[in-house]
C-alpha atoms as a PDB file:
ATOM      1  CA  UNK A   1      31.516 -42.644 -62.251  1.00  0.00           C
ATOM      2  CA  UNK A   2      32.461 -41.028 -58.968  1.00  0.00           C
ATOM      3  CA  UNK A   3      30.647 -37.996 -57.603  1.00  0.00           C
ATOM      4  CA  UNK A   4      32.715 -34.916 -56.721  1.00  0.00           C
ATOM      5  CA  UNK A   5      31.482 -32.012 -54.598  1.00  0.00           C
ATOM      6  CA  UNK A   6      33.116 -28.667 -55.462  1.00  0.00           C
ATOM      7  CA  UNK A   7      32.809 -25.948 -52.801  1.00  0.00           C
ATOM      8  CA  UNK A   8      34.050 -22.525 -53.943  1.00  0.00           C
ATOM      9  CA  UNK A   9      32.567 -19.040 -53.626  1.00  0.00           C
ATOM     10  CA  UNK A  10      33.931 -17.988 -57.042  1.00  0.00           C
ATOM     11  CA  UNK A  11      31.327 -18.895 -59.668  1.00  0.00           C
ATOM     12  CA  UNK A  12      33.883 -18.886 -62.507  1.00  0.00           C
ATOM     13  CA  UNK A  13      36.222 -21.265 -60.648  1.00  0.00           C
ATOM     14  CA  UNK A  14      33.318 -23.570 -59.742  1.00  0.00           C
ATOM     15  CA  UNK A  15      32.142 -23.600 -63.327  1.00  0.00           C
ATOM     16  CA  UNK A  16      35.601 -24.259 -64.752  1.00  0.00           C
ATOM     17  CA  UNK A  17      36.220 -27.148 -62.359  1.00  0.00           C
ATOM     18  CA  UNK A  18      32.777 -28.553 -63.111  1.00  0.00           C
ATOM     19  CA  UNK A  19      33.458 -28.505 -66.871  1.00  0.00           C
ATOM     20  CA  UNK A  20      36.883 -30.143 -66.529  1.00  0.00           C
ATOM     21  CA  UNK A  21      35.629 -32.841 -64.175  1.00  0.00           C
ATOM     22  CA  UNK A  22      32.473 -33.584 -66.157  1.00  0.00           C
ATOM     23  CA  UNK A  23      34.539 -33.886 -69.350  1.00  0.00           C
ATOM     24  CA  UNK A  24      36.423 -36.710 -67.595  1.00  0.00           C
ATOM     25  CA  UNK A  25      33.150 -38.439 -66.741  1.00  0.00           C
ATOM     26  CA  UNK A  26      32.747 -37.380 -63.112  1.00  0.00           C
ATOM     27  CA  UNK A  27      29.343 -36.476 -61.663  1.00  0.00           C
ATOM     28  CA  UNK A  28      29.803 -32.985 -60.182  1.00  0.00           C
ATOM     29  CA  UNK A  29      27.766 -31.229 -57.505  1.00  0.00           C
ATOM     30  CA  UNK A  30      28.627 -27.600 -56.641  1.00  0.00           C
ATOM     31  CA  UNK A  31      28.141 -25.366 -53.608  1.00  0.00           C
ATOM     32  CA  UNK A  32      28.922 -21.659 -53.339  1.00  0.00           C
ATOM     33  CA  UNK A  33      29.875 -21.584 -49.659  1.00  0.00           C
ATOM     34  CA  UNK A  34      30.988 -23.790 -46.806  1.00  0.00           C
ATOM     35  CA  UNK A  35      27.638 -24.091 -45.047  1.00  0.00           C
ATOM     36  CA  UNK A  36      25.853 -25.236 -48.219  1.00  0.00           C
ATOM     37  CA  UNK A  37      28.811 -27.487 -48.996  1.00  0.00           C
ATOM     38  CA  UNK A  38      28.469 -29.296 -45.670  1.00  0.00           C
ATOM     39  CA  UNK A  39      24.728 -29.766 -46.237  1.00  0.00           C
ATOM     40  CA  UNK A  40      25.393 -31.042 -49.758  1.00  0.00           C
ATOM     41  CA  UNK A  41      28.094 -33.415 -48.510  1.00  0.00           C
ATOM     42  CA  UNK A  42      25.654 -34.935 -46.019  1.00  0.00           C
ATOM     43  CA  UNK A  43      22.868 -35.199 -48.593  1.00  0.00           C
ATOM     44  CA  UNK A  44      24.937 -36.569 -51.481  1.00  0.00           C
ATOM     45  CA  UNK A  45      27.722 -38.584 -49.792  1.00  0.00           C
ATOM     46  CA  UNK A  46      30.268 -37.626 -52.490  1.00  0.00           C
ATOM     47  CA  UNK A  47      33.305 -39.728 -53.344  1.00  0.00           C
ATOM     48  CA  UNK A  48      35.541 -36.628 -53.173  1.00  0.00           C
ATOM     49  CA  UNK A  49      35.234 -33.044 -51.925  1.00  0.00           C
ATOM     50  CA  UNK A  50      37.172 -30.057 -53.289  1.00  0.00           C
ATOM     51  CA  UNK A  51      37.156 -27.065 -50.916  1.00  0.00           C
ATOM     52  CA  UNK A  52      38.373 -23.512 -51.465  1.00  0.00           C
ATOM     53  CA  UNK A  53      40.015 -22.202 -48.300  1.00  0.00           C
ATOM     54  CA  UNK A  54      39.239 -18.499 -48.644  1.00  0.00           C
ATOM     55  CA  UNK A  55      35.454 -18.116 -48.577  1.00  0.00           C
ATOM     56  CA  UNK A  56      33.258 -15.593 -46.773  1.00  0.00           C
ATOM     57  CA  UNK A  57      31.350 -16.906 -43.780  1.00  0.00           C
ATOM     58  CA  UNK A  58      32.426 -20.466 -43.103  1.00  0.00           C
ATOM     59  CA  UNK A  59      36.102 -20.788 -44.038  1.00  0.00           C
ATOM     60  CA  UNK A  60      37.508 -23.714 -45.952  1.00  0.00           C
ATOM     61  CA  UNK A  61      39.273 -24.970 -42.815  1.00  0.00           C
ATOM     62  CA  UNK A  62      35.972 -24.934 -40.903  1.00  0.00           C
ATOM     63  CA  UNK A  63      34.265 -26.624 -43.852  1.00  0.00           C
ATOM     64  CA  UNK A  64      36.887 -29.391 -43.906  1.00  0.00           C
ATOM     65  CA  UNK A  65      36.464 -29.929 -40.155  1.00  0.00           C
ATOM     66  CA  UNK A  66      32.675 -30.112 -40.460  1.00  0.00           C
ATOM     67  CA  UNK A  67      32.817 -32.562 -43.360  1.00  0.00           C
ATOM     68  CA  UNK A  68      35.427 -34.705 -41.572  1.00  0.00           C
ATOM     69  CA  UNK A  69      33.100 -34.924 -38.539  1.00  0.00           C
ATOM     70  CA  UNK A  70      30.228 -36.138 -40.727  1.00  0.00           C
ATOM     71  CA  UNK A  71      32.047 -38.195 -43.381  1.00  0.00           C
ATOM     72  CA  UNK A  72      35.470 -39.103 -41.937  1.00  0.00           C
ATOM     73  CA  UNK A  73      36.660 -41.217 -44.855  1.00  0.00           C
ATOM     74  CA  UNK A  74      35.852 -38.922 -47.804  1.00  0.00           C
ATOM     75  CA  UNK A  75      38.978 -37.655 -49.612  1.00  0.00           C
ATOM     76  CA  UNK A  76      39.312 -33.870 -49.557  1.00  0.00           C
ATOM     77  CA  UNK A  77      41.327 -31.576 -51.820  1.00  0.00           C
ATOM     78  CA  UNK A  78      41.976 -28.079 -50.437  1.00  0.00           C
ATOM     79  CA  UNK A  79      42.548 -25.333 -52.993  1.00  0.00           C
ATOM     80  CA  UNK A  80      43.765 -21.811 -52.416  1.00  0.00           C
ATOM     81  CA  UNK A  81      45.035 -18.828 -54.309  1.00  0.00           C
ATOM     82  CA  UNK A  82      47.003 -15.873 -53.031  1.00  0.00           C
ATOM     83  CA  UNK A  83      44.918 -12.968 -51.838  1.00  0.00           C
ATOM     84  CA  UNK A  84      46.277  -9.504 -52.764  1.00  0.00           C
ATOM     85  CA  UNK A  85      48.628  -8.315 -50.023  1.00  0.00           C
ATOM     86  CA  UNK A  86      48.378 -11.629 -48.189  1.00  0.00           C
ATOM     87  CA  UNK A  87      51.973 -12.758 -48.733  1.00  0.00           C
ATOM     88  CA  UNK A  88      52.382 -16.435 -47.957  1.00  0.00           C
ATOM     89  CA  UNK A  89      48.839 -16.844 -46.633  1.00  0.00           C
ATOM     90  CA  UNK A  90      47.898 -19.363 -49.336  1.00  0.00           C
ATOM     91  CA  UNK A  91      50.852 -21.602 -48.518  1.00  0.00           C
ATOM     92  CA  UNK A  92      50.184 -21.313 -44.783  1.00  0.00           C
ATOM     93  CA  UNK A  93      46.489 -22.003 -45.295  1.00  0.00           C
ATOM     94  CA  UNK A  94      47.202 -25.047 -47.442  1.00  0.00           C
ATOM     95  CA  UNK A  95      49.532 -26.347 -44.727  1.00  0.00           C
ATOM     96  CA  UNK A  96      46.797 -25.786 -42.137  1.00  0.00           C
ATOM     97  CA  UNK A  97      44.299 -27.555 -44.394  1.00  0.00           C
ATOM     98  CA  UNK A  98      46.583 -30.571 -44.640  1.00  0.00           C
ATOM     99  CA  UNK A  99      46.858 -30.666 -40.846  1.00  0.00           C
ATOM    100  CA  UNK A 100      43.067 -30.317 -40.543  1.00  0.00           C
ATOM    101  CA  UNK A 101      42.338 -33.251 -42.805  1.00  0.00           C
ATOM    102  CA  UNK A 102      42.814 -32.367 -46.466  1.00  0.00           C
ATOM    103  CA  UNK A 103      44.377 -35.284 -48.324  1.00  0.00           C
ATOM    104  CA  UNK A 104      45.796 -33.174 -51.159  1.00  0.00           C
ATOM    105  CA  UNK A 105      46.388 -29.429 -51.536  1.00  0.00           C
ATOM    106  CA  UNK A 106      46.474 -27.449 -54.757  1.00  0.00           C
ATOM    107  CA  UNK A 107      47.505 -23.838 -55.448  1.00  0.00           C
ATOM    108  CA  UNK A 108      45.259 -21.681 -57.643  1.00  0.00           C
ATOM    109  CA  UNK A 109      45.539 -21.012 -60.467  1.00  0.00           C
ATOM    110  CA  UNK A 110      46.039 -24.573 -61.613  1.00  0.00           C
ATOM    111  CA  UNK A 111      45.879 -26.250 -64.989  1.00  0.00           C
ATOM    112  CA  UNK A 112      43.109 -28.728 -65.774  1.00  0.00           C
ATOM    113  CA  UNK A 113      45.596 -31.620 -65.826  1.00  0.00           C
ATOM    114  CA  UNK A 114      46.879 -30.625 -62.356  1.00  0.00           C
ATOM    115  CA  UNK A 115      43.316 -30.722 -61.032  1.00  0.00           C
ATOM    116  CA  UNK A 116      42.708 -34.123 -62.605  1.00  0.00           C
ATOM    117  CA  UNK A 117      45.953 -35.533 -61.217  1.00  0.00           C
ATOM    118  CA  UNK A 118      45.015 -34.270 -57.732  1.00  0.00           C
ATOM    119  CA  UNK A 119      41.584 -35.880 -58.080  1.00  0.00           C
ATOM    120  CA  UNK A 120      43.077 -39.202 -59.156  1.00  0.00           C
ATOM    121  CA  UNK A 121      45.707 -39.076 -56.397  1.00  0.00           C
ATOM    122  CA  UNK A 122      43.185 -38.363 -53.645  1.00  0.00           C
ATOM    123  CA  UNK A 123      40.802 -41.045 -54.870  1.00  0.00           C
ATOM    124  CA  UNK A 124      43.546 -43.659 -55.207  1.00  0.00           C
ATOM    125  CA  UNK A 125      43.049 -43.909 -58.961  1.00  0.00           C
ATOM    126  CA  UNK A 126      45.939 -44.593 -61.348  1.00  0.00           C
ATOM    127  CA  UNK A 127      47.725 -41.426 -62.389  1.00  0.00           C
ATOM    128  CA  UNK A 128      47.777 -40.820 -66.104  1.00  0.00           C
ATOM    129  CA  UNK A 129      48.823 -38.240 -68.614  1.00  0.00           C
ATOM    130  CA  UNK A 130      46.109 -35.844 -69.699  1.00  0.00           C
ATOM    131  CA  UNK A 131      46.125 -33.953 -72.975  1.00  0.00           C
END
């Protein structure tokens, strides 16, 4: 099955995505920040990358740019939640991510079936109903 790289600084979010994706048969590699995510993307040549936009150090936007430079054709899903007091920053960041090269954007929190539909959409797989 396809390999998915999940890049998110929140351990709980990484773990939850890993469990959902592995339950669907995907091989999942995780990274806790953008810099390690870029290294992992180069080393593993994943079939899909999921990137959180709000991370300390290398931002999600910078991570997307770096991965696009190295692996131009890999599908990328950008994910983002609303930071306290940030207003519409998540929506604006997701729009920026789409302009930077994310194929699909997803607001946190999301349901497992929303994540799986985004994965299938970005990988060109048939969409299906999930229980």
